[in-house]
Amino acid sequence: LEERYSSAISERTEKFQMVIMDESHRVRIPDQVGQEPSFVKVCKRLLWKSSCKRAVCLSGTPSVTKPYSIYAQVCSLNNNVFASQGGAQGFGRLYCEASRRFGNHK
């Protein structure tokens, strides 16, 4: 998939004004290096290489597990968005350790 669309992406992305990525919940942190699905690589290339000013991630699937599952979706829009907070570890400290920061209220 990635090889099939890579030339089309590089030829046509300069014309895009907006990129819309549906099923964005499928963008996850891969379990192992190189395990990222091809469609995710294609979507990221579209989002990062295009000259568009707007990007939208859509998903009808609720994120009910952990806030960390949203990290990959946000980073697909802007890979450096959490760089000043320490990347993935900083995101985890800020948004995923609520029980340690605020206590475990049941």
PDB file of N, CA and C in Angstrom:
ATOM      1  N   LEU A   1       0.829  -1.200   0.000  1.00  0.00           N
ATOM      2  CA  LEU A   1       0.000   0.000   0.000  1.00  0.00           C
ATOM      3  C   LEU A   1       0.868   1.255   0.000  1.00  0.00           C
ATOM      4  N   GLU A   2       1.844   1.266   0.867  1.00  0.00           N
ATOM      5  CA  GLU A   2       2.702   2.449   0.970  1.00  0.00           C
ATOM      6  C   GLU A   2       3.456   2.694  -0.333  1.00  0.00           C
ATOM      7  N   GLU A   3       4.005   1.623  -0.915  1.00  0.00           N
ATOM      8  CA  GLU A   3       4.751   1.773  -2.159  1.00  0.00           C
ATOM      9  C   GLU A   3       3.837   2.219  -3.291  1.00  0.00           C
ATOM     10  N   ARG A   4       2.618   1.700  -3.303  1.00  0.00           N
ATOM     11  CA  ARG A   4       1.675   2.004  -4.373  1.00  0.00           C
ATOM     12  C   ARG A   4       1.302   3.481  -4.388  1.00  0.00           C
ATOM     13  N   TYR A   5       1.143   4.079  -3.216  1.00  0.00           N
ATOM     14  CA  TYR A   5       0.658   5.453  -3.139  1.00  0.00           C
ATOM     15  C   TYR A   5       1.741   6.495  -2.888  1.00  0.00           C
ATOM     16  N   SER A   6       2.965   6.078  -2.649  1.00  0.00           N
ATOM     17  CA  SER A   6       3.997   7.056  -2.288  1.00  0.00           C
ATOM     18  C   SER A   6       4.260   8.068  -3.399  1.00  0.00           C
ATOM     19  N   SER A   7       4.306   7.634  -4.654  1.00  0.00           N
ATOM     20  CA  SER A   7       4.553   8.596  -5.736  1.00  0.00           C
ATOM     21  C   SER A   7       3.362   9.520  -5.926  1.00  0.00           C
ATOM     22  N   ALA A   8       2.152   8.977  -5.788  1.00  0.00           N
ATOM     23  CA  ALA A   8       0.952   9.815  -5.916  1.00  0.00           C
ATOM     24  C   ALA A   8       0.896  10.851  -4.803  1.00  0.00           C
ATOM     25  N   ILE A   9       1.326  10.471  -3.624  1.00  0.00           N
ATOM     26  CA  ILE A   9       1.326  11.405  -2.495  1.00  0.00           C
ATOM     27  C   ILE A   9       2.293  12.548  -2.763  1.00  0.00           C
ATOM     28  N   SER A  10       3.507  12.219  -3.172  1.00  0.00           N
ATOM     29  CA  SER A  10       4.485  13.280  -3.376  1.00  0.00           C
ATOM     30  C   SER A  10       4.131  14.169  -4.560  1.00  0.00           C
ATOM     31  N   GLU A  11       3.418  13.655  -5.553  1.00  0.00           N
ATOM     32  CA  GLU A  11       3.042  14.463  -6.712  1.00  0.00           C
ATOM     33  C   GLU A  11       1.859  15.375  -6.436  1.00  0.00           C
ATOM     34  N   ARG A  12       0.933  14.944  -5.597  1.00  0.00           N
ATOM     35  CA  ARG A  12      -0.334  15.657  -5.471  1.00  0.00           C
ATOM     36  C   ARG A  12      -0.528  16.418  -4.169  1.00  0.00           C
ATOM     37  N   THR A  13       0.297  16.217  -3.196  1.00  0.00           N
ATOM     38  CA  THR A  13       0.035  16.818  -1.885  1.00  0.00           C
ATOM     39  C   THR A  13       0.140  18.328  -1.877  1.00  0.00           C
ATOM     40  N   GLU A  14       0.903  18.905  -2.778  1.00  0.00           N
ATOM     41  CA  GLU A  14       1.030  20.362  -2.764  1.00  0.00           C
ATOM     42  C   GLU A  14      -0.284  21.048  -3.105  1.00  0.00           C
ATOM     43  N   LYS A  15      -1.243  20.316  -3.657  1.00  0.00           N
ATOM     44  CA  LYS A  15      -2.533  20.901  -4.025  1.00  0.00           C
ATOM     45  C   LYS A  15      -3.558  20.821  -2.891  1.00  0.00           C
ATOM     46  N   PHE A  16      -3.273  20.045  -1.871  1.00  0.00           N
ATOM     47  CA  PHE A  16      -4.245  19.858  -0.796  1.00  0.00           C
ATOM     48  C   PHE A  16      -4.321  21.094   0.088  1.00  0.00           C
ATOM     49  N   GLN A  17      -5.543  21.459   0.459  1.00  0.00           N
ATOM     50  CA  GLN A  17      -5.746  22.531   1.425  1.00  0.00           C
ATOM     51  C   GLN A  17      -6.102  21.963   2.790  1.00  0.00           C
ATOM     52  N   MET A  18      -6.630  20.734   2.796  1.00  0.00           N
ATOM     53  CA  MET A  18      -7.012  20.082   4.045  1.00  0.00           C
ATOM     54  C   MET A  18      -6.859  18.571   3.873  1.00  0.00           C
ATOM     55  N   VAL A  19      -6.419  17.915   4.933  1.00  0.00           N
ATOM     56  CA  VAL A  19      -6.346  16.460   4.963  1.00  0.00           C
ATOM     57  C   VAL A  19      -7.291  15.986   6.051  1.00  0.00           C
ATOM     58  N   ILE A  20      -8.168  15.041   5.709  1.00  0.00           N
ATOM     59  CA  ILE A  20      -9.099  14.454   6.674  1.00  0.00           C
ATOM     60  C   ILE A  20      -8.772  12.970   6.776  1.00  0.00           C
ATOM     61  N   MET A  21      -8.472  12.525   7.983  1.00  0.00           N
ATOM     62  CA  MET A  21      -8.143  11.126   8.209  1.00  0.00           C
ATOM     63  C   MET A  21      -9.251  10.483   9.035  1.00  0.00           C
ATOM     64  N   ASP A  22     -10.023   9.632   8.392  1.00  0.00           N
ATOM     65  CA  ASP A  22     -11.080   8.907   9.093  1.00  0.00           C
ATOM     66  C   ASP A  22     -10.477   7.658   9.742  1.00  0.00           C
ATOM     67  N   GLU A  23     -11.181   7.109  10.712  1.00  0.00           N
ATOM     68  CA  GLU A  23     -10.727   5.935  11.461  1.00  0.00           C
ATOM     69  C   GLU A  23      -9.380   6.203  12.146  1.00  0.00           C
ATOM     70  N   SER A  24      -9.225   7.403  12.669  1.00  0.00           N
ATOM     71  CA  SER A  24      -7.936   7.783  13.265  1.00  0.00           C
ATOM     72  C   SER A  24      -7.607   6.975  14.517  1.00  0.00           C
ATOM     73  N   HIS A  25      -8.588   6.297  15.094  1.00  0.00           N
ATOM     74  CA  HIS A  25      -8.301   5.460  16.268  1.00  0.00           C
ATOM     75  C   HIS A  25      -7.374   4.299  15.909  1.00  0.00           C
ATOM     76  N   ARG A  26      -7.262   4.001  14.617  1.00  0.00           N
ATOM     77  CA  ARG A  26      -6.367   2.924  14.192  1.00  0.00           C
ATOM     78  C   ARG A  26      -4.903   3.352  14.219  1.00  0.00           C
ATOM     79  N   VAL A  27      -4.664   4.643  14.381  1.00  0.00           N
ATOM     80  CA  VAL A  27      -3.292   5.141  14.530  1.00  0.00           C
ATOM     81  C   VAL A  27      -2.898   4.913  15.983  1.00  0.00           C
ATOM     82  N   ARG A  28      -1.983   4.007  16.199  1.00  0.00           N
ATOM     83  CA  ARG A  28      -1.547   3.660  17.550  1.00  0.00           C
ATOM     84  C   ARG A  28      -0.027   3.666  17.603  1.00  0.00           C
ATOM     85  N   ILE A  29       0.481   3.661  18.810  1.00  0.00           N
ATOM     86  CA  ILE A  29       1.913   3.451  18.994  1.00  0.00           C
ATOM     87  C   ILE A  29       2.164   1.981  18.672  1.00  0.00           C
ATOM     88  N   PRO A  30       3.026   1.675  17.695  1.00  0.00           N
ATOM     89  CA  PRO A  30       3.253   0.268  17.362  1.00  0.00           C
ATOM     90  C   PRO A  30       3.921  -0.477  18.509  1.00  0.00           C
ATOM     91  N   ASP A  31       3.557  -1.773  18.655  1.00  0.00           N
ATOM     92  CA  ASP A  31       4.152  -2.606  19.699  1.00  0.00           C
ATOM     93  C   ASP A  31       5.648  -2.804  19.462  1.00  0.00           C
ATOM     94  N   GLN A  32       6.023  -2.922  18.191  1.00  0.00           N
ATOM     95  CA  GLN A  32       7.422  -3.119  17.840  1.00  0.00           C
ATOM     96  C   GLN A  32       7.780  -2.169  16.709  1.00  0.00           C
ATOM     97  N   VAL A  33       9.045  -1.862  16.604  1.00  0.00           N
ATOM     98  CA  VAL A  33       9.506  -0.990  15.524  1.00  0.00           C
ATOM     99  C   VAL A  33       9.202  -1.663  14.190  1.00  0.00           C
ATOM    100  N   GLY A  34       8.647  -0.902  13.271  1.00  0.00           N
ATOM    101  CA  GLY A  34       8.328  -1.434  11.952  1.00  0.00           C
ATOM    102  C   GLY A  34       6.982  -2.114  11.858  1.00  0.00           C
ATOM    103  N   GLN A  35       6.211  -2.143  12.940  1.00  0.00           N
ATOM    104  CA  GLN A  35       4.922  -2.823  12.945  1.00  0.00           C
ATOM    105  C   GLN A  35       3.756  -1.896  12.641  1.00  0.00           C
ATOM    106  N   GLU A  36       4.029  -0.669  12.282  1.00  0.00           N
ATOM    107  CA  GLU A  36       2.968   0.287  11.991  1.00  0.00           C
ATOM    108  C   GLU A  36       2.280  -0.112  10.686  1.00  0.00           C
ATOM    109  N   PRO A  37       0.939  -0.154  10.656  1.00  0.00           N
ATOM    110  CA  PRO A  37       0.237  -0.530   9.424  1.00  0.00           C
ATOM    111  C   PRO A  37       0.561   0.423   8.279  1.00  0.00           C
ATOM    112  N   SER A  38       0.521  -0.106   7.060  1.00  0.00           N
ATOM    113  CA  SER A  38       0.867   0.690   5.876  1.00  0.00           C
ATOM    114  C   SER A  38      -0.028   1.904   5.722  1.00  0.00           C
ATOM    115  N   PHE A  39      -1.343   1.738   5.986  1.00  0.00           N
ATOM    116  CA  PHE A  39      -2.242   2.873   5.797  1.00  0.00           C
ATOM    117  C   PHE A  39      -1.896   4.006   6.761  1.00  0.00           C
ATOM    118  N   VAL A  40      -1.389   3.666   7.932  1.00  0.00           N
ATOM    119  CA  VAL A  40      -0.988   4.693   8.897  1.00  0.00           C
ATOM    120  C   VAL A  40       0.228   5.448   8.365  1.00  0.00           C
ATOM    121  N   LYS A  41       1.177   4.736   7.785  1.00  0.00           N
ATOM    122  CA  LYS A  41       2.343   5.390   7.196  1.00  0.00           C
ATOM    123  C   LYS A  41       1.921   6.332   6.075  1.00  0.00           C
ATOM    124  N   VAL A  42       0.972   5.888   5.251  1.00  0.00           N
ATOM    125  CA  VAL A  42       0.482   6.724   4.151  1.00  0.00           C
ATOM    126  C   VAL A  42      -0.208   7.965   4.704  1.00  0.00           C
ATOM    127  N   CYS A  43      -1.054   7.789   5.718  1.00  0.00           N
ATOM    128  CA  CYS A  43      -1.757   8.932   6.319  1.00  0.00           C
ATOM    129  C   CYS A  43      -0.776   9.922   6.922  1.00  0.00           C
ATOM    130  N   LYS A  44       0.211   9.427   7.644  1.00  0.00           N
ATOM    131  CA  LYS A  44       1.202  10.319   8.251  1.00  0.00           C
ATOM    132  C   LYS A  44       1.981  11.066   7.182  1.00  0.00           C
ATOM    133  N   ARG A  45       2.321  10.376   6.121  1.00  0.00           N
ATOM    134  CA  ARG A  45       3.046  11.050   5.044  1.00  0.00           C
ATOM    135  C   ARG A  45       2.192  12.164   4.457  1.00  0.00           C
ATOM    136  N   LEU A  46       0.900  11.890   4.267  1.00  0.00           N
ATOM    137  CA  LEU A  46      -0.004  12.929   3.769  1.00  0.00           C
ATOM    138  C   LEU A  46      -0.053  14.117   4.718  1.00  0.00           C
ATOM    139  N   LEU A  47      -0.178  13.829   5.992  1.00  0.00           N
ATOM    140  CA  LEU A  47      -0.300  14.897   6.977  1.00  0.00           C
ATOM    141  C   LEU A  47       0.990  15.698   7.116  1.00  0.00           C
ATOM    142  N   TRP A  48       2.126  15.047   7.079  1.00  0.00           N
ATOM    143  CA  TRP A  48       3.393  15.720   7.333  1.00  0.00           C
ATOM    144  C   TRP A  48       3.996  16.342   6.086  1.00  0.00           C
ATOM    145  N   LYS A  49       3.772  15.739   4.928  1.00  0.00           N
ATOM    146  CA  LYS A  49       4.424  16.213   3.708  1.00  0.00           C
ATOM    147  C   LYS A  49       3.587  17.223   2.941  1.00  0.00           C
ATOM    148  N   SER A  50       2.306  17.262   3.187  1.00  0.00           N
ATOM    149  CA  SER A  50       1.458  18.167   2.413  1.00  0.00           C
ATOM    150  C   SER A  50       1.677  19.606   2.861  1.00  0.00           C
ATOM    151  N   SER A  51       1.324  20.511   1.996  1.00  0.00           N
ATOM    152  CA  SER A  51       1.463  21.930   2.324  1.00  0.00           C
ATOM    153  C   SER A  51       0.174  22.488   2.916  1.00  0.00           C
ATOM    154  N   CYS A  52      -0.771  21.612   3.229  1.00  0.00           N
ATOM    155  CA  CYS A  52      -2.053  22.079   3.749  1.00  0.00           C
ATOM    156  C   CYS A  52      -1.891  22.674   5.146  1.00  0.00           C
ATOM    157  N   LYS A  53      -2.783  23.552   5.477  1.00  0.00           N
ATOM    158  CA  LYS A  53      -2.750  24.227   6.776  1.00  0.00           C
ATOM    159  C   LYS A  53      -3.705  23.588   7.779  1.00  0.00           C
ATOM    160  N   ARG A  54      -4.597  22.723   7.306  1.00  0.00           N
ATOM    161  CA  ARG A  54      -5.602  22.124   8.180  1.00  0.00           C
ATOM    162  C   ARG A  54      -5.565  20.602   8.065  1.00  0.00           C
ATOM    163  N   ALA A  55      -5.744  19.946   9.195  1.00  0.00           N
ATOM    164  CA  ALA A  55      -5.844  18.492   9.227  1.00  0.00           C
ATOM    165  C   ALA A  55      -6.859  18.117  10.291  1.00  0.00           C
ATOM    166  N   VAL A  56      -7.651  17.100   9.993  1.00  0.00           N
ATOM    167  CA  VAL A  56      -8.702  16.663  10.905  1.00  0.00           C
ATOM    168  C   VAL A  56      -8.604  15.150  11.057  1.00  0.00           C
ATOM    169  N   CYS A  57      -8.606  14.680  12.289  1.00  0.00           N
ATOM    170  CA  CYS A  57      -8.671  13.249  12.572  1.00  0.00           C
ATOM    171  C   CYS A  57     -10.078  12.936  13.052  1.00  0.00           C
ATOM    172  N   LEU A  58     -10.704  11.952  12.418  1.00  0.00           N
ATOM    173  CA  LEU A  58     -12.066  11.561  12.778  1.00  0.00           C
ATOM    174  C   LEU A  58     -12.084  10.122  13.263  1.00  0.00           C
ATOM    175  N   SER A  59     -12.949   9.854  14.218  1.00  0.00           N
ATOM    176  CA  SER A  59     -13.147   8.493  14.685  1.00  0.00           C
ATOM    177  C   SER A  59     -14.505   8.400  15.365  1.00  0.00           C
ATOM    178  N   GLY A  60     -15.232   7.354  15.051  1.00  0.00           N
ATOM    179  CA  GLY A  60     -16.491   7.098  15.736  1.00  0.00           C
ATOM    180  C   GLY A  60     -16.301   6.154  16.905  1.00  0.00           C
ATOM    181  N   THR A  61     -15.077   5.704  17.097  1.00  0.00           N
ATOM    182  CA  THR A  61     -14.770   4.763  18.166  1.00  0.00           C
ATOM    183  C   THR A  61     -14.331   5.534  19.402  1.00  0.00           C
ATOM    184  N   PRO A  62     -15.035   5.362  20.517  1.00  0.00           N
ATOM    185  CA  PRO A  62     -14.638   6.086  21.731  1.00  0.00           C
ATOM    186  C   PRO A  62     -13.308   5.566  22.272  1.00  0.00           C
ATOM    187  N   SER A  63     -12.559   6.453  22.848  1.00  0.00           N
ATOM    188  CA  SER A  63     -11.297   6.081  23.475  1.00  0.00           C
ATOM    189  C   SER A  63     -11.565   5.894  24.962  1.00  0.00           C
ATOM    190  N   VAL A  64     -11.880   4.673  25.323  1.00  0.00           N
ATOM    191  CA  VAL A  64     -12.283   4.400  26.707  1.00  0.00           C
ATOM    192  C   VAL A  64     -11.182   3.732  27.519  1.00  0.00           C
ATOM    193  N   THR A  65     -10.080   3.401  26.883  1.00  0.00           N
ATOM    194  CA  THR A  65      -9.040   2.688  27.618  1.00  0.00           C
ATOM    195  C   THR A  65      -8.184   3.656  28.422  1.00  0.00           C
ATOM    196  N   LYS A  66      -7.152   4.160  27.840  1.00  0.00           N
ATOM    197  CA  LYS A  66      -6.241   5.058  28.544  1.00  0.00           C
ATOM    198  C   LYS A  66      -5.988   6.285  27.681  1.00  0.00           C
ATOM    199  N   PRO A  67      -5.721   7.415  28.300  1.00  0.00           N
ATOM    200  CA  PRO A  67      -5.424   8.620  27.514  1.00  0.00           C
ATOM    201  C   PRO A  67      -4.217   8.445  26.600  1.00  0.00           C
ATOM    202  N   TYR A  68      -3.300   7.549  26.961  1.00  0.00           N
ATOM    203  CA  TYR A  68      -2.109   7.354  26.147  1.00  0.00           C
ATOM    204  C   TYR A  68      -2.447   6.888  24.738  1.00  0.00           C
ATOM    205  N   SER A  69      -3.609   6.243  24.551  1.00  0.00           N
ATOM    206  CA  SER A  69      -3.994   5.795  23.215  1.00  0.00           C
ATOM    207  C   SER A  69      -4.248   6.972  22.279  1.00  0.00           C
ATOM    208  N   ILE A  70      -4.479   8.144  22.822  1.00  0.00           N
ATOM    209  CA  ILE A  70      -4.714   9.335  22.003  1.00  0.00           C
ATOM    210  C   ILE A  70      -3.388   9.953  21.550  1.00  0.00           C
ATOM    211  N   TYR A  71      -2.309   9.638  22.227  1.00  0.00           N
ATOM    212  CA  TYR A  71      -1.006  10.230  21.923  1.00  0.00           C
ATOM    213  C   TYR A  71      -0.629  10.060  20.448  1.00  0.00           C
ATOM    214  N   ALA A  72      -0.777   8.866  19.917  1.00  0.00           N
ATOM    215  CA  ALA A  72      -0.395   8.609  18.523  1.00  0.00           C
ATOM    216  C   ALA A  72      -1.254   9.402  17.552  1.00  0.00           C
ATOM    217  N   GLN A  73      -2.542   9.560  17.868  1.00  0.00           N
ATOM    218  CA  GLN A  73      -3.419  10.334  16.990  1.00  0.00           C
ATOM    219  C   GLN A  73      -2.997  11.799  16.964  1.00  0.00           C
ATOM    220  N   VAL A  74      -2.710  12.346  18.125  1.00  0.00           N
ATOM    221  CA  VAL A  74      -2.292  13.747  18.199  1.00  0.00           C
ATOM    222  C   VAL A  74      -0.952  13.930  17.487  1.00  0.00           C
ATOM    223  N   CYS A  75      -0.045  13.004  17.681  1.00  0.00           N
ATOM    224  CA  CYS A  75       1.267  13.101  17.036  1.00  0.00           C
ATOM    225  C   CYS A  75       1.185  12.898  15.529  1.00  0.00           C
ATOM    226  N   SER A  76       0.139  12.239  15.048  1.00  0.00           N
ATOM    227  CA  SER A  76      -0.010  12.115  13.595  1.00  0.00           C
ATOM    228  C   SER A  76      -0.305  13.473  12.974  1.00  0.00           C
ATOM    229  N   LEU A  77      -0.902  14.368  13.741  1.00  0.00           N
ATOM    230  CA  LEU A  77      -1.159  15.722  13.247  1.00  0.00           C
ATOM    231  C   LEU A  77       0.084  16.600  13.332  1.00  0.00           C
ATOM    232  N   ASN A  78       0.820  16.457  14.429  1.00  0.00           N
ATOM    233  CA  ASN A  78       2.025  17.268  14.637  1.00  0.00           C
ATOM    234  C   ASN A  78       2.994  16.434  15.458  1.00  0.00           C
ATOM    235  N   ASN A  79       4.021  15.947  14.815  1.00  0.00           N
ATOM    236  CA  ASN A  79       4.951  15.025  15.464  1.00  0.00           C
ATOM    237  C   ASN A  79       5.697  15.651  16.637  1.00  0.00           C
ATOM    238  N   ASN A  80       5.809  16.959  16.676  1.00  0.00           N
ATOM    239  CA  ASN A  80       6.580  17.627  17.727  1.00  0.00           C
ATOM    240  C   ASN A  80       5.712  18.295  18.784  1.00  0.00           C
ATOM    241  N   VAL A  81       4.429  17.990  18.795  1.00  0.00           N
ATOM    242  CA  VAL A  81       3.505  18.707  19.668  1.00  0.00           C
ATOM    243  C   VAL A  81       3.851  18.549  21.156  1.00  0.00           C
ATOM    244  N   PHE A  82       4.403  17.419  21.546  1.00  0.00           N
ATOM    245  CA  PHE A  82       4.740  17.202  22.953  1.00  0.00           C
ATOM    246  C   PHE A  82       6.247  17.216  23.201  1.00  0.00           C
ATOM    247  N   ALA A  83       7.009  17.730  22.256  1.00  0.00           N
ATOM    248  CA  ALA A  83       8.472  17.731  22.397  1.00  0.00           C
ATOM    249  C   ALA A  83       8.920  18.520  23.623  1.00  0.00           C
ATOM    250  N   SER A  84       8.299  19.654  23.878  1.00  0.00           N
ATOM    251  CA  SER A  84       8.724  20.476  25.017  1.00  0.00           C
ATOM    252  C   SER A  84       8.335  19.861  26.359  1.00  0.00           C
ATOM    253  N   GLN A  85       7.396  18.903  26.355  1.00  0.00           N
ATOM    254  CA  GLN A  85       7.002  18.221  27.596  1.00  0.00           C
ATOM    255  C   GLN A  85       7.737  16.900  27.783  1.00  0.00           C
ATOM    256  N   GLY A  86       8.622  16.550  26.863  1.00  0.00           N
ATOM    257  CA  GLY A  86       9.376  15.310  27.009  1.00  0.00           C
ATOM    258  C   GLY A  86       8.852  14.172  26.168  1.00  0.00           C
ATOM    259  N   GLY A  87       8.134  14.464  25.097  1.00  0.00           N
ATOM    260  CA  GLY A  87       7.660  13.425  24.186  1.00  0.00           C
ATOM    261  C   GLY A  87       6.622  12.520  24.823  1.00  0.00           C
ATOM    262  N   ALA A  88       6.721  11.229  24.509  1.00  0.00           N
ATOM    263  CA  ALA A  88       5.742  10.256  24.995  1.00  0.00           C
ATOM    264  C   ALA A  88       5.756  10.155  26.519  1.00  0.00           C
ATOM    265  N   GLN A  89       6.946  10.215  27.100  1.00  0.00           N
ATOM    266  CA  GLN A  89       7.030  10.127  28.564  1.00  0.00           C
ATOM    267  C   GLN A  89       6.383  11.347  29.215  1.00  0.00           C
ATOM    268  N   GLY A  90       6.608  12.512  28.644  1.00  0.00           N
ATOM    269  CA  GLY A  90       5.984  13.726  29.173  1.00  0.00           C
ATOM    270  C   GLY A  90       4.479  13.700  29.043  1.00  0.00           C
ATOM    271  N   PHE A  91       3.987  13.205  27.903  1.00  0.00           N
ATOM    272  CA  PHE A  91       2.548  13.062  27.715  1.00  0.00           C
ATOM    273  C   PHE A  91       1.977  12.134  28.784  1.00  0.00           C
ATOM    274  N   GLY A  92       2.670  11.024  29.022  1.00  0.00           N
ATOM    275  CA  GLY A  92       2.220  10.079  30.040  1.00  0.00           C
ATOM    276  C   GLY A  92       2.165  10.700  31.425  1.00  0.00           C
ATOM    277  N   ARG A  93       3.190  11.466  31.764  1.00  0.00           N
ATOM    278  CA  ARG A  93       3.197  12.128  33.077  1.00  0.00           C
ATOM    279  C   ARG A  93       2.067  13.141  33.197  1.00  0.00           C
ATOM    280  N   LEU A  94       1.819  13.898  32.122  1.00  0.00           N
ATOM    281  CA  LEU A  94       0.795  14.945  32.171  1.00  0.00           C
ATOM    282  C   LEU A  94      -0.630  14.402  32.176  1.00  0.00           C
ATOM    283  N   TYR A  95      -0.888  13.369  31.368  1.00  0.00           N
ATOM    284  CA  TYR A  95      -2.272  12.971  31.124  1.00  0.00           C
ATOM    285  C   TYR A  95      -2.633  11.557  31.566  1.00  0.00           C
ATOM    286  N   CYS A  96      -1.656  10.733  31.896  1.00  0.00           N
ATOM    287  CA  CYS A  96      -1.962   9.325  32.162  1.00  0.00           C
ATOM    288  C   CYS A  96      -1.721   8.888  33.597  1.00  0.00           C
ATOM    289  N   GLU A  97      -1.268   9.758  34.442  1.00  0.00           N
ATOM    290  CA  GLU A  97      -0.983   9.368  35.818  1.00  0.00           C
ATOM    291  C   GLU A  97      -1.881  10.115  36.795  1.00  0.00           C
ATOM    292  N   ALA A  98      -3.142  10.224  36.448  1.00  0.00           N
ATOM    293  CA  ALA A  98      -4.072  10.992  37.283  1.00  0.00           C
ATOM    294  C   ALA A  98      -4.235  10.380  38.668  1.00  0.00           C
ATOM    295  N   SER A  99      -4.241   9.051  38.760  1.00  0.00           N
ATOM    296  CA  SER A  99      -4.437   8.435  40.076  1.00  0.00           C
ATOM    297  C   SER A  99      -3.278   8.755  41.007  1.00  0.00           C
ATOM    298  N   ARG A 100      -2.070   8.855  40.465  1.00  0.00           N
ATOM    299  CA  ARG A 100      -0.925   9.189  41.305  1.00  0.00           C
ATOM    300  C   ARG A 100      -0.936  10.671  41.680  1.00  0.00           C
ATOM    301  N   ARG A 101      -1.370  11.520  40.749  1.00  0.00           N
ATOM    302  CA  ARG A 101      -1.376  12.955  41.005  1.00  0.00           C
ATOM    303  C   ARG A 101      -2.543  13.391  41.880  1.00  0.00           C
ATOM    304  N   PHE A 102      -3.711  12.757  41.687  1.00  0.00           N
ATOM    305  CA  PHE A 102      -4.918  13.228  42.364  1.00  0.00           C
ATOM    306  C   PHE A 102      -5.505  12.208  43.333  1.00  0.00           C
ATOM    307  N   GLY A 103      -4.897  11.057  43.466  1.00  0.00           N
ATOM    308  CA  GLY A 103      -5.424  10.023  44.341  1.00  0.00           C
ATOM    309  C   GLY A 103      -6.389   9.120  43.597  1.00  0.00           C
ATOM    310  N   ASN A 104      -6.577   7.936  44.113  1.00  0.00           N
ATOM    311  CA  ASN A 104      -7.455   6.959  43.477  1.00  0.00           C
ATOM    312  C   ASN A 104      -8.817   7.026  44.148  1.00  0.00           C
ATOM    313  N   HIS A 105      -9.732   7.784  43.578  1.00  0.00           N
ATOM    314  CA  HIS A 105     -11.065   7.952  44.156  1.00  0.00           C
ATOM    315  C   HIS A 105     -12.022   6.976  43.510  1.00  0.00           C
ATOM    316  N   LYS A 106     -12.640   6.147  44.318  1.00  0.00           N
ATOM    317  CA  LYS A 106     -13.605   5.170  43.788  1.00  0.00           C
ATOM    318  C   LYS A 106     -14.993   5.517  44.225  1.00  0.00           C
TER     319      LYS A 106
END
